[in-house]
C-alpha atoms as a PDB file:
ATOM      1  CA  UNK A   1     -16.732 -28.883  -3.642  1.00  0.00           C
ATOM      2  CA  UNK A   2     -16.071 -26.482  -0.470  1.00  0.00           C
ATOM      3  CA  UNK A   3     -18.108 -23.819   1.010  1.00  0.00           C
ATOM      4  CA  UNK A   4     -17.059 -20.387   0.948  1.00  0.00           C
ATOM      5  CA  UNK A   5     -18.155 -16.715   1.999  1.00  0.00           C
ATOM      6  CA  UNK A   6     -18.312 -14.465  -0.578  1.00  0.00           C
ATOM      7  CA  UNK A   7     -15.327 -12.602   0.865  1.00  0.00           C
ATOM      8  CA  UNK A   8     -13.716 -15.580   0.779  1.00  0.00           C
ATOM      9  CA  UNK A   9     -14.684 -16.433  -2.936  1.00  0.00           C
ATOM     10  CA  UNK A  10     -13.962 -13.330  -4.347  1.00  0.00           C
ATOM     11  CA  UNK A  11     -10.229 -13.246  -2.314  1.00  0.00           C
ATOM     12  CA  UNK A  12      -9.386 -16.630  -4.068  1.00  0.00           C
ATOM     13  CA  UNK A  13     -10.571 -15.154  -7.385  1.00  0.00           C
ATOM     14  CA  UNK A  14      -8.475 -12.177  -7.051  1.00  0.00           C
ATOM     15  CA  UNK A  15      -5.522 -14.627  -6.157  1.00  0.00           C
ATOM     16  CA  UNK A  16      -6.108 -17.177  -9.203  1.00  0.00           C
ATOM     17  CA  UNK A  17      -6.463 -14.223 -11.712  1.00  0.00           C
ATOM     18  CA  UNK A  18      -3.721 -12.122 -10.501  1.00  0.00           C
ATOM     19  CA  UNK A  19      -5.813  -9.329  -9.559  1.00  0.00           C
ATOM     20  CA  UNK A  20      -4.776  -9.128  -6.288  1.00  0.00           C
ATOM     21  CA  UNK A  21      -1.777  -6.788  -6.221  1.00  0.00           C
ATOM     22  CA  UNK A  22      -3.566  -4.364  -8.619  1.00  0.00           C
ATOM     23  CA  UNK A  23      -6.583  -4.405  -6.071  1.00  0.00           C
ATOM     24  CA  UNK A  24      -4.174  -3.959  -3.312  1.00  0.00           C
ATOM     25  CA  UNK A  25      -2.575  -0.636  -5.128  1.00  0.00           C
ATOM     26  CA  UNK A  26      -5.916   0.978  -5.961  1.00  0.00           C
ATOM     27  CA  UNK A  27      -6.862   0.233  -1.984  1.00  0.00           C
ATOM     28  CA  UNK A  28      -3.625   1.894  -0.741  1.00  0.00           C
ATOM     29  CA  UNK A  29      -4.515   4.857  -3.154  1.00  0.00           C
ATOM     30  CA  UNK A  30      -7.984   5.231  -1.985  1.00  0.00           C
ATOM     31  CA  UNK A  31      -7.186   5.288   2.189  1.00  0.00           C
ATOM     32  CA  UNK A  32      -3.399   6.895   1.546  1.00  0.00           C
ATOM     33  CA  UNK A  33      -4.712   9.612   3.362  1.00  0.00           C
ATOM     34  CA  UNK A  34      -6.233   7.521   5.865  1.00  0.00           C
ATOM     35  CA  UNK A  35      -2.941   5.809   6.479  1.00  0.00           C
ATOM     36  CA  UNK A  36      -0.253   8.732   6.393  1.00  0.00           C
ATOM     37  CA  UNK A  37      -2.079  11.750   7.008  1.00  0.00           C
ATOM     38  CA  UNK A  38      -3.102  15.017   5.264  1.00  0.00           C
ATOM     39  CA  UNK A  39       0.029  16.753   5.393  1.00  0.00           C
ATOM     40  CA  UNK A  40       2.295  13.566   3.610  1.00  0.00           C
ATOM     41  CA  UNK A  41      -0.680  12.682   1.814  1.00  0.00           C
ATOM     42  CA  UNK A  42      -0.954  16.374   0.282  1.00  0.00           C
ATOM     43  CA  UNK A  43       2.553  16.365  -0.847  1.00  0.00           C
ATOM     44  CA  UNK A  44       3.393  12.860  -2.348  1.00  0.00           C
ATOM     45  CA  UNK A  45       2.426  12.847  -6.174  1.00  0.00           C
ATOM     46  CA  UNK A  46       2.014   9.022  -6.764  1.00  0.00           C
ATOM     47  CA  UNK A  47       2.144   5.521  -5.261  1.00  0.00           C
ATOM     48  CA  UNK A  48       2.881   2.335  -7.263  1.00  0.00           C
ATOM     49  CA  UNK A  49       2.653  -0.992  -5.802  1.00  0.00           C
ATOM     50  CA  UNK A  50       4.497  -3.793  -7.550  1.00  0.00           C
ATOM     51  CA  UNK A  51       4.269  -6.735  -5.909  1.00  0.00           C
ATOM     52  CA  UNK A  52       4.798  -5.849  -2.311  1.00  0.00           C
ATOM     53  CA  UNK A  53       7.425  -3.106  -3.610  1.00  0.00           C
ATOM     54  CA  UNK A  54       5.751   0.116  -2.743  1.00  0.00           C
ATOM     55  CA  UNK A  55       7.530   3.307  -4.260  1.00  0.00           C
ATOM     56  CA  UNK A  56       6.557   6.708  -3.145  1.00  0.00           C
ATOM     57  CA  UNK A  57       6.786  10.071  -5.411  1.00  0.00           C
ATOM     58  CA  UNK A  58       7.415  13.454  -3.793  1.00  0.00           C
ATOM     59  CA  UNK A  59       9.331  16.353  -4.980  1.00  0.00           C
ATOM     60  CA  UNK A  60       9.334  17.792  -1.398  1.00  0.00           C
ATOM     61  CA  UNK A  61      12.983  17.371  -0.002  1.00  0.00           C
ATOM     62  CA  UNK A  62      12.251  17.242   3.628  1.00  0.00           C
ATOM     63  CA  UNK A  63       9.593  15.003   3.290  1.00  0.00           C
ATOM     64  CA  UNK A  64      11.773  12.375   0.988  1.00  0.00           C
ATOM     65  CA  UNK A  65      14.286  12.912   4.146  1.00  0.00           C
ATOM     66  CA  UNK A  66      11.343  11.735   6.549  1.00  0.00           C
ATOM     67  CA  UNK A  67      10.063   8.899   4.322  1.00  0.00           C
ATOM     68  CA  UNK A  68      13.407   7.191   4.335  1.00  0.00           C
ATOM     69  CA  UNK A  69      14.232   7.585   7.758  1.00  0.00           C
ATOM     70  CA  UNK A  70      10.481   6.021   8.469  1.00  0.00           C
ATOM     71  CA  UNK A  71      10.325   3.216   5.659  1.00  0.00           C
ATOM     72  CA  UNK A  72      10.360   0.318   8.428  1.00  0.00           C
ATOM     73  CA  UNK A  73       7.855   2.356  10.537  1.00  0.00           C
ATOM     74  CA  UNK A  74       5.433   3.461   7.416  1.00  0.00           C
ATOM     75  CA  UNK A  75       5.783  -0.011   5.707  1.00  0.00           C
ATOM     76  CA  UNK A  76       4.489  -1.531   9.418  1.00  0.00           C
ATOM     77  CA  UNK A  77       1.665   1.113   9.628  1.00  0.00           C
ATOM     78  CA  UNK A  78       0.243   0.132   6.134  1.00  0.00           C
ATOM     79  CA  UNK A  79       0.383  -3.419   6.974  1.00  0.00           C
ATOM     80  CA  UNK A  80      -1.400  -3.124   9.916  1.00  0.00           C
ATOM     81  CA  UNK A  81      -3.552  -0.960   8.385  1.00  0.00           C
ATOM     82  CA  UNK A  82      -4.841  -3.788   6.214  1.00  0.00           C
ATOM     83  CA  UNK A  83      -4.276  -6.400   8.418  1.00  0.00           C
ATOM     84  CA  UNK A  84      -2.027  -8.314   5.936  1.00  0.00           C
ATOM     85  CA  UNK A  85       1.303  -8.170   4.452  1.00  0.00           C
ATOM     86  CA  UNK A  86       1.015  -6.027   1.540  1.00  0.00           C
ATOM     87  CA  UNK A  87       4.267  -3.896   1.532  1.00  0.00           C
ATOM     88  CA  UNK A  88       7.647  -5.474   2.379  1.00  0.00           C
ATOM     89  CA  UNK A  89       9.931  -2.687   1.100  1.00  0.00           C
ATOM     90  CA  UNK A  90       9.287   1.139   0.613  1.00  0.00           C
ATOM     91  CA  UNK A  91      11.027   3.239  -2.147  1.00  0.00           C
ATOM     92  CA  UNK A  92      11.285   6.877  -2.051  1.00  0.00           C
ATOM     93  CA  UNK A  93      11.612   8.811  -5.519  1.00  0.00           C
END
């Protein structure tokens, strides 16, 4: 039997039980303002992360356009923030 740190053991448990995507979504929601800033955070009403596809909901048309144009940069910023690839695609609604 190998030796694991507590962090490694928890990561393995989350992966085996299928909890990791939900944990990633919760972490993303919690840290959303730190990632995108107060203005964008204020005008986005919901985030949904299914597998690695992030859906962002907003009712503000100019923000929607800005997010559409910067999807790749936003995905890169999110992945850099979490130091792992949790987002591969972004959908704006």
